[in-house]
N, C-alpha and C. Protein backbone atom coordinates (compact mmCIF):
# COMPACT_ATOMS: atom_id res chain seq x y z
N UNK A 1 110.89 112.99 79.60
CA UNK A 1 110.44 112.86 80.97
C UNK A 1 109.36 111.78 81.03
N UNK A 2 109.39 110.95 82.09
CA UNK A 2 108.43 109.87 82.28
C UNK A 2 107.42 110.26 83.35
N UNK A 3 106.28 109.59 83.33
CA UNK A 3 105.26 109.77 84.36
C UNK A 3 105.22 108.51 85.21
N UNK A 4 105.22 108.69 86.52
CA UNK A 4 105.19 107.57 87.45
C UNK A 4 103.99 107.69 88.36
N UNK A 5 103.41 106.58 88.73
CA UNK A 5 102.34 106.56 89.70
C UNK A 5 102.97 106.34 91.08
N UNK A 6 102.74 107.29 91.98
CA UNK A 6 103.30 107.24 93.32
C UNK A 6 102.14 107.33 94.32
N UNK A 7 102.11 106.39 95.26
CA UNK A 7 101.08 106.39 96.29
C UNK A 7 101.62 107.07 97.55
N UNK A 8 100.85 108.04 98.04
CA UNK A 8 101.16 108.69 99.31
C UNK A 8 100.09 108.25 100.29
N UNK A 9 100.51 107.59 101.37
CA UNK A 9 99.55 107.02 102.32
C UNK A 9 99.86 107.53 103.72
N UNK A 10 98.83 108.07 104.38
CA UNK A 10 98.96 108.47 105.77
C UNK A 10 98.15 107.50 106.62
N UNK A 11 98.70 107.17 107.77
CA UNK A 11 98.04 106.24 108.67
C UNK A 11 97.62 107.00 109.92
N UNK A 12 96.35 106.84 110.29
CA UNK A 12 95.83 107.37 111.54
C UNK A 12 95.52 106.18 112.43
N UNK A 13 95.85 106.28 113.71
CA UNK A 13 95.68 105.14 114.60
C UNK A 13 95.38 105.62 116.02
N UNK A 14 94.45 104.92 116.69
CA UNK A 14 94.13 105.23 118.08
C UNK A 14 93.83 103.92 118.81
N UNK A 15 94.35 103.78 120.00
CA UNK A 15 94.04 102.63 120.84
C UNK A 15 92.95 103.06 121.83
N UNK A 16 91.88 102.27 121.90
CA UNK A 16 90.77 102.58 122.81
C UNK A 16 90.50 101.38 123.71
N UNK A 17 89.90 101.63 124.85
CA UNK A 17 89.48 100.55 125.75
C UNK A 17 88.01 100.24 125.49
N UNK A 18 87.70 98.97 125.34
CA UNK A 18 86.33 98.52 125.09
C UNK A 18 85.99 97.44 126.11
N UNK A 19 84.91 97.63 126.83
CA UNK A 19 84.40 96.58 127.73
C UNK A 19 83.53 95.65 126.90
N UNK A 20 83.87 94.35 126.92
CA UNK A 20 83.13 93.38 126.12
C UNK A 20 83.27 92.00 126.72
N UNK A 21 82.40 91.09 126.27
CA UNK A 21 82.44 89.71 126.80
C UNK A 21 83.58 88.89 126.22
N UNK A 22 84.03 89.25 124.99
CA UNK A 22 85.17 88.56 124.38
C UNK A 22 85.77 89.47 123.30
N UNK A 23 86.87 89.03 122.71
CA UNK A 23 87.57 89.84 121.71
C UNK A 23 86.68 90.17 120.51
N UNK A 24 85.94 89.18 120.01
CA UNK A 24 85.07 89.41 118.86
C UNK A 24 84.04 90.50 119.17
N UNK A 25 83.45 90.44 120.37
CA UNK A 25 82.48 91.45 120.78
C UNK A 25 83.13 92.83 120.86
N UNK A 26 84.35 92.89 121.36
CA UNK A 26 85.08 94.17 121.45
C UNK A 26 85.31 94.76 120.06
N UNK A 27 85.69 93.90 119.11
CA UNK A 27 85.92 94.37 117.74
C UNK A 27 84.63 94.87 117.13
N UNK A 28 83.54 94.14 117.33
CA UNK A 28 82.24 94.58 116.81
C UNK A 28 81.81 95.91 117.40
N UNK A 29 82.02 96.08 118.71
CA UNK A 29 81.67 97.35 119.36
C UNK A 29 82.53 98.50 118.82
N UNK A 30 83.82 98.24 118.65
CA UNK A 30 84.71 99.28 118.11
C UNK A 30 84.29 99.64 116.68
N UNK A 31 83.95 98.64 115.88
CA UNK A 31 83.49 98.89 114.50
C UNK A 31 82.22 99.73 114.52
N UNK A 32 81.28 99.41 115.42
CA UNK A 32 80.04 100.18 115.52
C UNK A 32 80.34 101.63 115.90
N UNK A 33 81.20 101.83 116.90
CA UNK A 33 81.54 103.19 117.32
C UNK A 33 82.19 103.98 116.18
N UNK A 34 83.04 103.31 115.42
CA UNK A 34 83.71 103.97 114.30
C UNK A 34 82.71 104.26 113.17
N UNK A 35 81.92 103.26 112.80
CA UNK A 35 80.96 103.44 111.70
C UNK A 35 79.89 104.48 112.01
N UNK A 36 79.51 104.60 113.27
CA UNK A 36 78.49 105.58 113.65
C UNK A 36 79.11 106.95 113.97
N UNK A 37 80.41 107.07 113.70
CA UNK A 37 81.16 108.31 113.88
C UNK A 37 81.20 108.79 115.33
N UNK A 38 81.07 107.85 116.27
CA UNK A 38 81.28 108.19 117.67
C UNK A 38 82.78 108.26 117.97
N UNK A 39 83.56 107.57 117.15
CA UNK A 39 85.01 107.68 117.16
C UNK A 39 85.42 108.22 115.80
N UNK A 40 86.06 109.37 115.79
CA UNK A 40 86.52 109.98 114.54
C UNK A 40 88.02 110.27 114.69
N UNK A 41 88.81 109.65 113.84
CA UNK A 41 90.25 109.88 113.88
C UNK A 41 90.57 111.21 113.20
N UNK A 42 91.56 111.92 113.77
CA UNK A 42 91.95 113.21 113.22
C UNK A 42 93.47 113.36 113.25
N UNK A 43 93.95 114.56 113.04
CA UNK A 43 95.39 114.81 112.94
C UNK A 43 96.15 114.39 114.20
N UNK A 44 95.51 114.42 115.35
CA UNK A 44 96.17 114.00 116.59
C UNK A 44 96.44 112.50 116.62
N UNK A 45 95.77 111.75 115.75
CA UNK A 45 95.94 110.30 115.67
C UNK A 45 96.94 109.90 114.59
N UNK A 46 97.63 110.88 114.03
CA UNK A 46 98.61 110.59 112.97
C UNK A 46 99.66 109.60 113.48
N UNK A 47 99.96 108.61 112.63
CA UNK A 47 100.91 107.58 113.01
C UNK A 47 102.10 107.47 112.06
N UNK A 48 101.85 107.52 110.75
CA UNK A 48 102.93 107.26 109.80
C UNK A 48 102.55 107.76 108.41
N UNK A 49 103.57 107.99 107.58
CA UNK A 49 103.38 108.31 106.17
C UNK A 49 104.31 107.42 105.36
N UNK A 50 103.80 106.88 104.27
CA UNK A 50 104.66 106.14 103.34
C UNK A 50 104.45 106.68 101.94
N UNK A 51 105.52 106.67 101.17
CA UNK A 51 105.47 107.12 99.78
C UNK A 51 106.12 106.02 98.96
N UNK A 52 105.32 105.37 98.12
CA UNK A 52 105.78 104.20 97.39
C UNK A 52 105.33 104.23 95.93
N UNK A 53 106.12 103.63 95.05
CA UNK A 53 105.71 103.52 93.65
C UNK A 53 104.56 102.53 93.52
N UNK A 54 103.69 102.79 92.56
CA UNK A 54 102.56 101.90 92.29
C UNK A 54 102.83 101.24 90.93
N UNK A 55 103.74 100.27 90.95
CA UNK A 55 104.10 99.58 89.72
C UNK A 55 104.93 98.36 90.06
N UNK A 56 104.98 97.40 89.16
CA UNK A 56 105.84 96.24 89.32
C UNK A 56 107.02 96.34 88.36
N UNK A 57 107.29 97.53 87.93
CA UNK A 57 108.34 97.82 86.97
C UNK A 57 109.71 97.38 87.49
N UNK A 58 110.50 96.73 86.65
CA UNK A 58 111.84 96.26 87.03
C UNK A 58 112.73 97.42 87.44
N UNK A 59 112.59 98.57 86.77
CA UNK A 59 113.41 99.73 87.11
C UNK A 59 113.17 100.16 88.56
N UNK A 60 111.93 100.13 88.99
CA UNK A 60 111.59 100.54 90.34
C UNK A 60 112.19 99.55 91.34
N UNK A 61 112.10 98.26 91.04
CA UNK A 61 112.66 97.24 91.91
C UNK A 61 114.18 97.43 92.03
N UNK A 62 114.81 97.71 90.91
CA UNK A 62 116.25 97.92 90.88
C UNK A 62 116.61 99.16 91.70
N UNK A 63 115.85 100.22 91.55
CA UNK A 63 116.08 101.46 92.28
C UNK A 63 115.89 101.23 93.78
N UNK A 64 114.86 100.50 94.16
CA UNK A 64 114.61 100.22 95.57
C UNK A 64 115.76 99.45 96.19
N UNK A 65 116.28 98.46 95.48
CA UNK A 65 117.41 97.69 95.99
C UNK A 65 118.64 98.57 96.14
N UNK A 66 118.85 99.47 95.18
CA UNK A 66 119.98 100.39 95.24
C UNK A 66 119.85 101.31 96.45
N UNK A 67 118.64 101.82 96.71
CA UNK A 67 118.41 102.69 97.87
C UNK A 67 118.64 101.95 99.18
N UNK A 68 118.21 100.69 99.26
CA UNK A 68 118.44 99.90 100.46
C UNK A 68 119.93 99.69 100.71
N UNK A 69 120.66 99.41 99.65
CA UNK A 69 122.10 99.20 99.81
C UNK A 69 122.78 100.48 100.27
N UNK A 70 122.34 101.63 99.76
CA UNK A 70 122.92 102.91 100.17
C UNK A 70 122.63 103.18 101.64
N UNK A 71 121.42 102.85 102.11
CA UNK A 71 121.06 103.05 103.50
C UNK A 71 121.90 102.17 104.42
N UNK A 72 122.15 100.93 104.00
CA UNK A 72 122.95 100.00 104.79
C UNK A 72 124.37 100.49 104.97
N UNK A 73 124.93 101.18 103.96
CA UNK A 73 126.29 101.69 104.04
C UNK A 73 126.39 102.83 105.04
N UNK A 74 125.32 103.59 105.21
CA UNK A 74 125.33 104.75 106.11
C UNK A 74 125.07 104.29 107.48
């Protein structure tokens, strides 16, 4: 049996309205609100999950291509 490193990543995302003089100012304000925990993302902000190998191993590349081809057939 082999051991593989697998990354499980969840993405949380929220769109907010920011009043600002320009885009850069809006980004800075959003960063401040997030860093000061005035905006806290939670389970309601769930967007996506990905599960991927953490390796550049040829076997993994070969397996990924095989999985893609199988998906295309279906």
